[in-house]
């Protein structure tokens, strides 16, 4: 944990008042908090929302073919505008970001 050395120091009385037990006692124990057990490497796809049944849903995606002013980079395979061509070698085109 990072320490801010410029912050004013607290006395022992102040730090004991801010302990976890003191904070829980001051809440009175009546407060309810929703807790979701999530690990660091979990993604949004791994969390099921209550009442969310999406099994009948279908995705509709329109695929647009490469336009005449675009190219596909041979390194990152992203479709980019022709103004971003950095190098062309053996018929393969490379973008500015991959050659940078």
PDB file of N, CA and C in Angstrom:
ATOM      1  N   UNK A   1       0.854  -1.177   0.000  1.00  0.00           N
ATOM      2  CA  UNK A   1       0.000   0.000   0.000  1.00  0.00           C
ATOM      3  C   UNK A   1       0.896   1.235   0.000  1.00  0.00           C
ATOM      4  N   UNK A   2       0.537   2.229  -0.791  1.00  0.00           N
ATOM      5  CA  UNK A   2       1.318   3.457  -0.892  1.00  0.00           C
ATOM      6  C   UNK A   2       1.098   4.325   0.340  1.00  0.00           C
ATOM      7  N   UNK A   3       2.144   5.016   0.737  1.00  0.00           N
ATOM      8  CA  UNK A   3       2.071   5.896   1.895  1.00  0.00           C
ATOM      9  C   UNK A   3       2.269   7.329   1.441  1.00  0.00           C
ATOM     10  N   UNK A   4       1.379   8.196   1.845  1.00  0.00           N
ATOM     11  CA  UNK A   4       1.505   9.610   1.528  1.00  0.00           C
ATOM     12  C   UNK A   4       2.242  10.268   2.686  1.00  0.00           C
ATOM     13  N   UNK A   5       3.498  10.583   2.472  1.00  0.00           N
ATOM     14  CA  UNK A   5       4.319  11.152   3.535  1.00  0.00           C
ATOM     15  C   UNK A   5       4.013  12.620   3.787  1.00  0.00           C
ATOM     16  N   UNK A   6       3.271  13.268   2.883  1.00  0.00           N
ATOM     17  CA  UNK A   6       2.904  14.669   3.065  1.00  0.00           C
ATOM     18  C   UNK A   6       1.621  14.834   3.864  1.00  0.00           C
ATOM     19  N   UNK A   7       0.880  13.773   4.058  1.00  0.00           N
ATOM     20  CA  UNK A   7      -0.382  13.860   4.790  1.00  0.00           C
ATOM     21  C   UNK A   7      -0.096  14.055   6.281  1.00  0.00           C
ATOM     22  N   UNK A   8      -0.976  14.798   6.960  1.00  0.00           N
ATOM     23  CA  UNK A   8      -0.768  14.974   8.407  1.00  0.00           C
ATOM     24  C   UNK A   8      -0.904  13.644   9.140  1.00  0.00           C
ATOM     25  N   UNK A   9      -0.088  13.457  10.153  1.00  0.00           N
ATOM     26  CA  UNK A   9      -0.101  12.206  10.908  1.00  0.00           C
ATOM     27  C   UNK A   9      -1.253  12.193  11.889  1.00  0.00           C
ATOM     28  N   UNK A  10      -1.773  11.003  12.130  1.00  0.00           N
ATOM     29  CA  UNK A  10      -2.893  10.834  13.051  1.00  0.00           C
ATOM     30  C   UNK A  10      -2.363  10.326  14.385  1.00  0.00           C
ATOM     31  N   UNK A  11      -3.054  10.712  15.434  1.00  0.00           N
ATOM     32  CA  UNK A  11      -2.677  10.223  16.751  1.00  0.00           C
ATOM     33  C   UNK A  11      -3.264   8.835  16.964  1.00  0.00           C
ATOM     34  N   UNK A  12      -2.859   8.147  18.026  1.00  0.00           N
ATOM     35  CA  UNK A  12      -3.363   6.811  18.316  1.00  0.00           C
ATOM     36  C   UNK A  12      -4.862   6.809  18.572  1.00  0.00           C
ATOM     37  N   UNK A  13      -5.367   7.903  19.161  1.00  0.00           N
ATOM     38  CA  UNK A  13      -6.802   7.994  19.443  1.00  0.00           C
ATOM     39  C   UNK A  13      -7.606   8.020  18.148  1.00  0.00           C
ATOM     40  N   UNK A  14      -7.118   8.756  17.147  1.00  0.00           N
ATOM     41  CA  UNK A  14      -7.820   8.848  15.876  1.00  0.00           C
ATOM     42  C   UNK A  14      -7.784   7.527  15.121  1.00  0.00           C
ATOM     43  N   UNK A  15      -6.658   6.854  15.130  1.00  0.00           N
ATOM     44  CA  UNK A  15      -6.536   5.613  14.379  1.00  0.00           C
ATOM     45  C   UNK A  15      -7.367   4.498  14.991  1.00  0.00           C
ATOM     46  N   UNK A  16      -7.514   4.471  16.321  1.00  0.00           N
ATOM     47  CA  UNK A  16      -8.328   3.426  16.939  1.00  0.00           C
ATOM     48  C   UNK A  16      -9.802   3.652  16.653  1.00  0.00           C
ATOM     49  N   UNK A  17     -10.204   4.912  16.489  1.00  0.00           N
ATOM     50  CA  UNK A  17     -11.603   5.216  16.196  1.00  0.00           C
ATOM     51  C   UNK A  17     -11.956   4.795  14.779  1.00  0.00           C
ATOM     52  N   UNK A  18     -10.966   4.693  13.907  1.00  0.00           N
ATOM     53  CA  UNK A  18     -11.223   4.338  12.523  1.00  0.00           C
ATOM     54  C   UNK A  18     -11.028   2.847  12.260  1.00  0.00           C
ATOM     55  N   UNK A  19     -10.922   2.055  13.285  1.00  0.00           N
ATOM     56  CA  UNK A  19     -10.736   0.629  13.080  1.00  0.00           C
ATOM     57  C   UNK A  19     -12.002   0.019  12.494  1.00  0.00           C
ATOM     58  N   UNK A  20     -11.881  -1.155  11.938  1.00  0.00           N
ATOM     59  CA  UNK A  20     -13.002  -1.820  11.307  1.00  0.00           C
ATOM     60  C   UNK A  20     -14.132  -2.094  12.290  1.00  0.00           C
ATOM     61  N   UNK A  21     -13.767  -2.510  13.470  1.00  0.00           N
ATOM     62  CA  UNK A  21     -14.794  -2.800  14.468  1.00  0.00           C
ATOM     63  C   UNK A  21     -15.564  -1.537  14.837  1.00  0.00           C
ATOM     64  N   UNK A  22     -14.856  -0.427  14.962  1.00  0.00           N
ATOM     65  CA  UNK A  22     -15.517   0.829  15.315  1.00  0.00           C
ATOM     66  C   UNK A  22     -16.458   1.280  14.208  1.00  0.00           C
ATOM     67  N   UNK A  23     -16.043   1.104  12.955  1.00  0.00           N
ATOM     68  CA  UNK A  23     -16.901   1.495  11.844  1.00  0.00           C
ATOM     69  C   UNK A  23     -18.147   0.617  11.776  1.00  0.00           C
ATOM     70  N   UNK A  24     -17.981  -0.691  12.008  1.00  0.00           N
ATOM     71  CA  UNK A  24     -19.136  -1.574  11.980  1.00  0.00           C
ATOM     72  C   UNK A  24     -20.090  -1.275  13.127  1.00  0.00           C
ATOM     73  N   UNK A  25     -19.541  -0.944  14.303  1.00  0.00           N
ATOM     74  CA  UNK A  25     -20.389  -0.625  15.451  1.00  0.00           C
ATOM     75  C   UNK A  25     -21.159   0.668  15.213  1.00  0.00           C
ATOM     76  N   UNK A  26     -20.516   1.629  14.529  1.00  0.00           N
ATOM     77  CA  UNK A  26     -21.196   2.900  14.285  1.00  0.00           C
ATOM     78  C   UNK A  26     -22.331   2.753  13.279  1.00  0.00           C
ATOM     79  N   UNK A  27     -22.262   1.752  12.413  1.00  0.00           N
ATOM     80  CA  UNK A  27     -23.331   1.509  11.451  1.00  0.00           C
ATOM     81  C   UNK A  27     -24.543   0.880  12.121  1.00  0.00           C
ATOM     82  N   UNK A  28     -24.340   0.235  13.238  1.00  0.00           N
ATOM     83  CA  UNK A  28     -25.450  -0.354  13.966  1.00  0.00           C
ATOM     84  C   UNK A  28     -25.777  -1.768  13.532  1.00  0.00           C
ATOM     85  N   UNK A  29     -25.096  -2.289  12.540  1.00  0.00           N
ATOM     86  CA  UNK A  29     -25.319  -3.663  12.110  1.00  0.00           C
ATOM     87  C   UNK A  29     -26.586  -3.872  11.321  1.00  0.00           C
ATOM     88  N   UNK A  30     -27.377  -2.824  11.073  1.00  0.00           N
ATOM     89  CA  UNK A  30     -28.629  -2.974  10.338  1.00  0.00           C
ATOM     90  C   UNK A  30     -28.447  -2.804   8.840  1.00  0.00           C
ATOM     91  N   UNK A  31     -27.330  -2.254   8.442  1.00  0.00           N
ATOM     92  CA  UNK A  31     -27.114  -1.998   7.027  1.00  0.00           C
ATOM     93  C   UNK A  31     -26.814  -3.313   6.303  1.00  0.00           C
ATOM     94  N   UNK A  32     -27.476  -3.499   5.167  1.00  0.00           N
ATOM     95  CA  UNK A  32     -27.240  -4.680   4.356  1.00  0.00           C
ATOM     96  C   UNK A  32     -26.457  -4.274   3.129  1.00  0.00           C
ATOM     97  N   UNK A  33     -25.418  -5.041   2.839  1.00  0.00           N
ATOM     98  CA  UNK A  33     -24.566  -4.747   1.708  1.00  0.00           C
ATOM     99  C   UNK A  33     -24.568  -5.939   0.773  1.00  0.00           C
ATOM    100  N   UNK A  34     -24.779  -5.680  -0.508  1.00  0.00           N
ATOM    101  CA  UNK A  34     -24.727  -6.753  -1.495  1.00  0.00           C
ATOM    102  C   UNK A  34     -23.273  -7.101  -1.758  1.00  0.00           C
ATOM    103  N   UNK A  35     -22.965  -8.384  -1.692  1.00  0.00           N
ATOM    104  CA  UNK A  35     -21.603  -8.839  -1.904  1.00  0.00           C
ATOM    105  C   UNK A  35     -21.597  -9.824  -3.058  1.00  0.00           C
ATOM    106  N   UNK A  36     -20.752  -9.563  -4.044  1.00  0.00           N
ATOM    107  CA  UNK A  36     -20.584 -10.457  -5.177  1.00  0.00           C
ATOM    108  C   UNK A  36     -19.169 -11.004  -5.101  1.00  0.00           C
ATOM    109  N   UNK A  37     -19.051 -12.320  -5.110  1.00  0.00           N
ATOM    110  CA  UNK A  37     -17.749 -12.959  -5.035  1.00  0.00           C
ATOM    111  C   UNK A  37     -17.140 -12.974  -6.429  1.00  0.00           C
ATOM    112  N   UNK A  38     -16.251 -12.023  -6.704  1.00  0.00           N
ATOM    113  CA  UNK A  38     -15.643 -11.885  -8.016  1.00  0.00           C
ATOM    114  C   UNK A  38     -14.129 -11.956  -7.856  1.00  0.00           C
ATOM    115  N   UNK A  39     -13.502 -12.766  -8.690  1.00  0.00           N
ATOM    116  CA  UNK A  39     -12.053 -12.827  -8.681  1.00  0.00           C
ATOM    117  C   UNK A  39     -11.505 -11.830  -9.689  1.00  0.00           C
ATOM    118  N   UNK A  40     -10.214 -11.524  -9.571  1.00  0.00           N
ATOM    119  CA  UNK A  40      -9.597 -10.506 -10.420  1.00  0.00           C
ATOM    120  C   UNK A  40      -9.700 -10.836 -11.899  1.00  0.00           C
ATOM    121  N   UNK A  41      -9.529 -12.088 -12.265  1.00  0.00           N
ATOM    122  CA  UNK A  41      -9.490 -12.438 -13.676  1.00  0.00           C
ATOM    123  C   UNK A  41     -10.863 -12.791 -14.242  1.00  0.00           C
ATOM    124  N   UNK A  42     -11.938 -12.596 -13.481  1.00  0.00           N
ATOM    125  CA  UNK A  42     -13.282 -12.820 -14.002  1.00  0.00           C
ATOM    126  C   UNK A  42     -13.643 -11.707 -14.971  1.00  0.00           C
ATOM    127  N   UNK A  43     -14.399 -12.056 -15.988  1.00  0.00           N
ATOM    128  CA  UNK A  43     -14.869 -11.057 -16.941  1.00  0.00           C
ATOM    129  C   UNK A  43     -16.374 -10.889 -16.775  1.00  0.00           C
ATOM    130  N   UNK A  44     -16.915  -9.929 -17.474  1.00  0.00           N
ATOM    131  CA  UNK A  44     -18.352  -9.674 -17.379  1.00  0.00           C
ATOM    132  C   UNK A  44     -19.158 -10.860 -17.903  1.00  0.00           C
ATOM    133  N   UNK A  45     -18.586 -11.645 -18.827  1.00  0.00           N
ATOM    134  CA  UNK A  45     -19.298 -12.797 -19.357  1.00  0.00           C
ATOM    135  C   UNK A  45     -19.477 -13.875 -18.295  1.00  0.00           C
ATOM    136  N   UNK A  46     -18.618 -13.890 -17.281  1.00  0.00           N
ATOM    137  CA  UNK A  46     -18.668 -14.915 -16.261  1.00  0.00           C
ATOM    138  C   UNK A  46     -19.674 -14.636 -15.165  1.00  0.00           C
ATOM    139  N   UNK A  47     -20.294 -13.473 -15.162  1.00  0.00           N
ATOM    140  CA  UNK A  47     -21.244 -13.105 -14.116  1.00  0.00           C
ATOM    141  C   UNK A  47     -22.654 -13.198 -14.679  1.00  0.00           C
ATOM    142  N   UNK A  48     -23.485 -14.020 -14.064  1.00  0.00           N
ATOM    143  CA  UNK A  48     -24.875 -14.149 -14.489  1.00  0.00           C
ATOM    144  C   UNK A  48     -25.740 -13.206 -13.679  1.00  0.00           C
ATOM    145  N   UNK A  49     -26.498 -12.390 -14.376  1.00  0.00           N
ATOM    146  CA  UNK A  49     -27.407 -11.476 -13.702  1.00  0.00           C
ATOM    147  C   UNK A  49     -28.686 -12.214 -13.350  1.00  0.00           C
ATOM    148  N   UNK A  50     -29.234 -11.959 -12.159  1.00  0.00           N
ATOM    149  CA  UNK A  50     -30.466 -12.644 -11.779  1.00  0.00           C
ATOM    150  C   UNK A  50     -31.623 -12.254 -12.696  1.00  0.00           C
ATOM    151  N   UNK A  51     -32.357 -13.253 -13.175  1.00  0.00           N
ATOM    152  CA  UNK A  51     -33.509 -13.003 -14.028  1.00  0.00           C
ATOM    153  C   UNK A  51     -33.177 -12.669 -15.457  1.00  0.00           C
ATOM    154  N   UNK A  52     -31.917 -12.805 -15.852  1.00  0.00           N
ATOM    155  CA  UNK A  52     -31.531 -12.452 -17.216  1.00  0.00           C
ATOM    156  C   UNK A  52     -31.357 -13.730 -18.027  1.00  0.00           C
ATOM    157  N   UNK A  53     -32.407 -14.149 -18.724  1.00  0.00           N
ATOM    158  CA  UNK A  53     -32.345 -15.324 -19.584  1.00  0.00           C
ATOM    159  C   UNK A  53     -32.197 -14.835 -21.017  1.00  0.00           C
ATOM    160  N   UNK A  54     -31.005 -14.920 -21.546  1.00  0.00           N
ATOM    161  CA  UNK A  54     -30.728 -14.432 -22.889  1.00  0.00           C
ATOM    162  C   UNK A  54     -30.552 -15.575 -23.878  1.00  0.00           C
ATOM    163  N   UNK A  55     -31.020 -16.766 -23.525  1.00  0.00           N
ATOM    164  CA  UNK A  55     -30.813 -17.926 -24.386  1.00  0.00           C
ATOM    165  C   UNK A  55     -31.565 -17.813 -25.710  1.00  0.00           C
ATOM    166  N   UNK A  56     -32.653 -17.067 -25.748  1.00  0.00           N
ATOM    167  CA  UNK A  56     -33.424 -16.931 -26.977  1.00  0.00           C
ATOM    168  C   UNK A  56     -32.981 -15.776 -27.854  1.00  0.00           C
ATOM    169  N   UNK A  57     -32.019 -15.001 -27.410  1.00  0.00           N
ATOM    170  CA  UNK A  57     -31.565 -13.836 -28.160  1.00  0.00           C
ATOM    171  C   UNK A  57     -30.610 -14.243 -29.280  1.00  0.00           C
ATOM    172  N   UNK A  58     -30.673 -13.532 -30.398  1.00  0.00           N
ATOM    173  CA  UNK A  58     -29.759 -13.751 -31.512  1.00  0.00           C
ATOM    174  C   UNK A  58     -29.054 -12.444 -31.827  1.00  0.00           C
ATOM    175  N   UNK A  59     -27.787 -12.552 -32.176  1.00  0.00           N
ATOM    176  CA  UNK A  59     -27.018 -11.381 -32.569  1.00  0.00           C
ATOM    177  C   UNK A  59     -27.098 -11.211 -34.076  1.00  0.00           C
ATOM    178  N   UNK A  60     -27.282  -9.992 -34.510  1.00  0.00           N
ATOM    179  CA  UNK A  60     -27.297  -9.688 -35.929  1.00  0.00           C
ATOM    180  C   UNK A  60     -26.136  -8.758 -36.223  1.00  0.00           C
ATOM    181  N   UNK A  61     -25.189  -9.247 -37.017  1.00  0.00           N
ATOM    182  CA  UNK A  61     -23.998  -8.471 -37.337  1.00  0.00           C
ATOM    183  C   UNK A  61     -23.894  -8.353 -38.849  1.00  0.00           C
ATOM    184  N   UNK A  62     -23.720  -7.141 -39.319  1.00  0.00           N
ATOM    185  CA  UNK A  62     -23.544  -6.909 -40.740  1.00  0.00           C
ATOM    186  C   UNK A  62     -22.045  -6.786 -41.008  1.00  0.00           C
ATOM    187  N   UNK A  63     -21.519  -7.661 -41.857  1.00  0.00           N
ATOM    188  CA  UNK A  63     -20.098  -7.640 -42.196  1.00  0.00           C
ATOM    189  C   UNK A  63     -19.938  -6.834 -43.475  1.00  0.00           C
ATOM    190  N   UNK A  64     -19.149  -5.762 -43.392  1.00  0.00           N
ATOM    191  CA  UNK A  64     -18.913  -4.897 -44.532  1.00  0.00           C
ATOM    192  C   UNK A  64     -17.581  -5.309 -45.155  1.00  0.00           C
ATOM    193  N   UNK A  65     -17.548  -5.614 -46.448  1.00  0.00           N
ATOM    194  CA  UNK A  65     -16.287  -6.006 -47.082  1.00  0.00           C
ATOM    195  C   UNK A  65     -15.299  -4.841 -47.117  1.00  0.00           C
ATOM    196  N   UNK A  66     -14.033  -5.191 -47.283  1.00  0.00           N
ATOM    197  CA  UNK A  66     -12.967  -4.180 -47.345  1.00  0.00           C
ATOM    198  C   UNK A  66     -13.245  -3.223 -48.498  1.00  0.00           C
ATOM    199  N   UNK A  67     -13.163  -1.922 -48.204  1.00  0.00           N
ATOM    200  CA  UNK A  67     -13.445  -0.898 -49.201  1.00  0.00           C
ATOM    201  C   UNK A  67     -12.217  -0.656 -50.076  1.00  0.00           C
ATOM    202  N   UNK A  68     -12.397   0.085 -51.144  1.00  0.00           N
ATOM    203  CA  UNK A  68     -11.294   0.323 -52.091  1.00  0.00           C
ATOM    204  C   UNK A  68     -10.195   1.197 -51.481  1.00  0.00           C
ATOM    205  N   UNK A  69     -10.527   2.000 -50.464  1.00  0.00           N
ATOM    206  CA  UNK A  69      -9.514   2.856 -49.836  1.00  0.00           C
ATOM    207  C   UNK A  69      -8.988   2.251 -48.527  1.00  0.00           C
ATOM    208  N   UNK A  70      -9.146   0.949 -48.338  1.00  0.00           N
ATOM    209  CA  UNK A  70      -8.702   0.280 -47.121  1.00  0.00           C
ATOM    210  C   UNK A  70      -7.762  -0.869 -47.470  1.00  0.00           C
ATOM    211  N   UNK A  71      -6.992  -1.310 -46.463  1.00  0.00           N
ATOM    212  CA  UNK A  71      -6.130  -2.470 -46.617  1.00  0.00           C
ATOM    213  C   UNK A  71      -6.109  -3.218 -45.300  1.00  0.00           C
ATOM    214  N   UNK A  72      -5.711  -4.482 -45.342  1.00  0.00           N
ATOM    215  CA  UNK A  72      -5.573  -5.291 -44.140  1.00  0.00           C
ATOM    216  C   UNK A  72      -4.093  -5.426 -43.838  1.00  0.00           C
ATOM    217  N   UNK A  73      -3.691  -5.005 -42.650  1.00  0.00           N
ATOM    218  CA  UNK A  73      -2.291  -5.083 -42.249  1.00  0.00           C
ATOM    219  C   UNK A  73      -1.895  -6.554 -42.131  1.00  0.00           C
ATOM    220  N   UNK A  74      -0.738  -6.907 -42.662  1.00  0.00           N
ATOM    221  CA  UNK A  74      -0.268  -8.289 -42.630  1.00  0.00           C
ATOM    222  C   UNK A  74       0.329  -8.669 -41.292  1.00  0.00           C
ATOM    223  N   UNK A  75       0.483  -7.717 -40.382  1.00  0.00           N
ATOM    224  CA  UNK A  75       1.031  -8.015 -39.072  1.00  0.00           C
ATOM    225  C   UNK A  75      -0.071  -8.109 -38.012  1.00  0.00           C
ATOM    226  N   UNK A  76      -0.911  -7.076 -37.890  1.00  0.00           N
ATOM    227  CA  UNK A  76      -1.961  -7.066 -36.856  1.00  0.00           C
ATOM    228  C   UNK A  76      -3.318  -7.497 -37.393  1.00  0.00           C
ATOM    229  N   UNK A  77      -3.451  -7.625 -38.739  1.00  0.00           N
ATOM    230  CA  UNK A  77      -4.667  -8.078 -39.410  1.00  0.00           C
ATOM    231  C   UNK A  77      -5.865  -7.160 -39.185  1.00  0.00           C
ATOM    232  N   UNK A  78      -5.610  -5.896 -38.877  1.00  0.00           N
ATOM    233  CA  UNK A  78      -6.685  -4.912 -38.753  1.00  0.00           C
ATOM    234  C   UNK A  78      -6.890  -4.230 -40.098  1.00  0.00           C
ATOM    235  N   UNK A  79      -8.133  -3.886 -40.400  1.00  0.00           N
ATOM    236  CA  UNK A  79      -8.447  -3.152 -41.623  1.00  0.00           C
ATOM    237  C   UNK A  79      -8.218  -1.682 -41.342  1.00  0.00           C
ATOM    238  N   UNK A  80      -7.382  -1.062 -42.154  1.00  0.00           N
ATOM    239  CA  UNK A  80      -7.003   0.337 -41.944  1.00  0.00           C
ATOM    240  C   UNK A  80      -7.155   1.120 -43.247  1.00  0.00           C
ATOM    241  N   UNK A  81      -7.154   2.443 -43.119  1.00  0.00           N
ATOM    242  CA  UNK A  81      -7.221   3.326 -44.276  1.00  0.00           C
ATOM    243  C   UNK A  81      -5.868   3.304 -44.996  1.00  0.00           C
ATOM    244  N   UNK A  82      -5.892   3.472 -46.315  1.00  0.00           N
ATOM    245  CA  UNK A  82      -4.648   3.408 -47.105  1.00  0.00           C
ATOM    246  C   UNK A  82      -3.621   4.460 -46.683  1.00  0.00           C
ATOM    247  N   UNK A  83      -4.050   5.521 -46.047  1.00  0.00           N
ATOM    248  CA  UNK A  83      -3.105   6.557 -45.604  1.00  0.00           C
ATOM    249  C   UNK A  83      -2.207   6.048 -44.478  1.00  0.00           C
ATOM    250  N   UNK A  84      -2.533   4.894 -43.897  1.00  0.00           N
ATOM    251  CA  UNK A  84      -1.739   4.348 -42.797  1.00  0.00           C
ATOM    252  C   UNK A  84      -0.771   3.261 -43.252  1.00  0.00           C
ATOM    253  N   UNK A  85      -0.581   3.111 -44.569  1.00  0.00           N
ATOM    254  CA  UNK A  85       0.390   2.132 -45.061  1.00  0.00           C
ATOM    255  C   UNK A  85       1.794   2.667 -44.785  1.00  0.00           C
ATOM    256  N   UNK A  86       2.599   1.886 -44.078  1.00  0.00           N
ATOM    257  CA  UNK A  86       3.971   2.282 -43.785  1.00  0.00           C
ATOM    258  C   UNK A  86       4.945   1.592 -44.726  1.00  0.00           C
ATOM    259  N   UNK A  87       4.640   0.338 -45.089  1.00  0.00           N
ATOM    260  CA  UNK A  87       5.562  -0.422 -45.929  1.00  0.00           C
ATOM    261  C   UNK A  87       4.772  -1.463 -46.700  1.00  0.00           C
ATOM    262  N   UNK A  88       5.218  -1.707 -47.922  1.00  0.00           N
ATOM    263  CA  UNK A  88       4.628  -2.762 -48.733  1.00  0.00           C
ATOM    264  C   UNK A  88       5.772  -3.605 -49.272  1.00  0.00           C
ATOM    265  N   UNK A  89       5.746  -4.891 -48.930  1.00  0.00           N
ATOM    266  CA  UNK A  89       6.838  -5.780 -49.321  1.00  0.00           C
ATOM    267  C   UNK A  89       6.244  -7.111 -49.774  1.00  0.00           C
ATOM    268  N   UNK A  90       6.607  -7.556 -50.977  1.00  0.00           N
ATOM    269  CA  UNK A  90       6.120  -8.811 -51.555  1.00  0.00           C
ATOM    270  C   UNK A  90       4.593  -8.882 -51.582  1.00  0.00           C
ATOM    271  N   UNK A  91       3.950  -7.764 -51.859  1.00  0.00           N
ATOM    272  CA  UNK A  91       2.494  -7.726 -51.932  1.00  0.00           C
ATOM    273  C   UNK A  91       1.817  -7.639 -50.579  1.00  0.00           C
ATOM    274  N   UNK A  92       2.568  -7.647 -49.484  1.00  0.00           N
ATOM    275  CA  UNK A  92       2.018  -7.546 -48.146  1.00  0.00           C
ATOM    276  C   UNK A  92       2.140  -6.104 -47.657  1.00  0.00           C
ATOM    277  N   UNK A  93       1.076  -5.606 -47.065  1.00  0.00           N
ATOM    278  CA  UNK A  93       1.061  -4.223 -46.583  1.00  0.00           C
ATOM    279  C   UNK A  93       1.110  -4.213 -45.075  1.00  0.00           C
ATOM    280  N   UNK A  94       1.860  -3.247 -44.505  1.00  0.00           N
ATOM    281  CA  UNK A  94       2.014  -3.131 -43.059  1.00  0.00           C
ATOM    282  C   UNK A  94       1.627  -1.711 -42.653  1.00  0.00           C
ATOM    283  N   UNK A  95       0.932  -1.598 -41.515  1.00  0.00           N
ATOM    284  CA  UNK A  95       0.448  -0.285 -41.063  1.00  0.00           C
ATOM    285  C   UNK A  95       1.543   0.466 -40.306  1.00  0.00           C
ATOM    286  N   UNK A  96       1.275   1.730 -40.026  1.00  0.00           N
ATOM    287  CA  UNK A  96       2.212   2.608 -39.335  1.00  0.00           C
ATOM    288  C   UNK A  96       2.479   2.116 -37.934  1.00  0.00           C
ATOM    289  N   UNK A  97       1.457   1.627 -37.237  1.00  0.00           N
ATOM    290  CA  UNK A  97       1.626   1.193 -35.858  1.00  0.00           C
ATOM    291  C   UNK A  97       2.500  -0.038 -35.749  1.00  0.00           C
ATOM    292  N   UNK A  98       2.377  -0.965 -36.690  1.00  0.00           N
ATOM    293  CA  UNK A  98       3.201  -2.184 -36.628  1.00  0.00           C
ATOM    294  C   UNK A  98       4.641  -1.905 -37.040  1.00  0.00           C
ATOM    295  N   UNK A  99       4.847  -0.915 -37.875  1.00  0.00           N
ATOM    296  CA  UNK A  99       6.194  -0.582 -38.317  1.00  0.00           C
ATOM    297  C   UNK A  99       6.855   0.453 -37.430  1.00  0.00           C
ATOM    298  N   UNK A 100       6.079   1.053 -36.516  1.00  0.00           N
ATOM    299  CA  UNK A 100       6.583   2.111 -35.642  1.00  0.00           C
ATOM    300  C   UNK A 100       7.481   1.592 -34.617  1.00  0.00           C
TER     301      UNK A 100
END
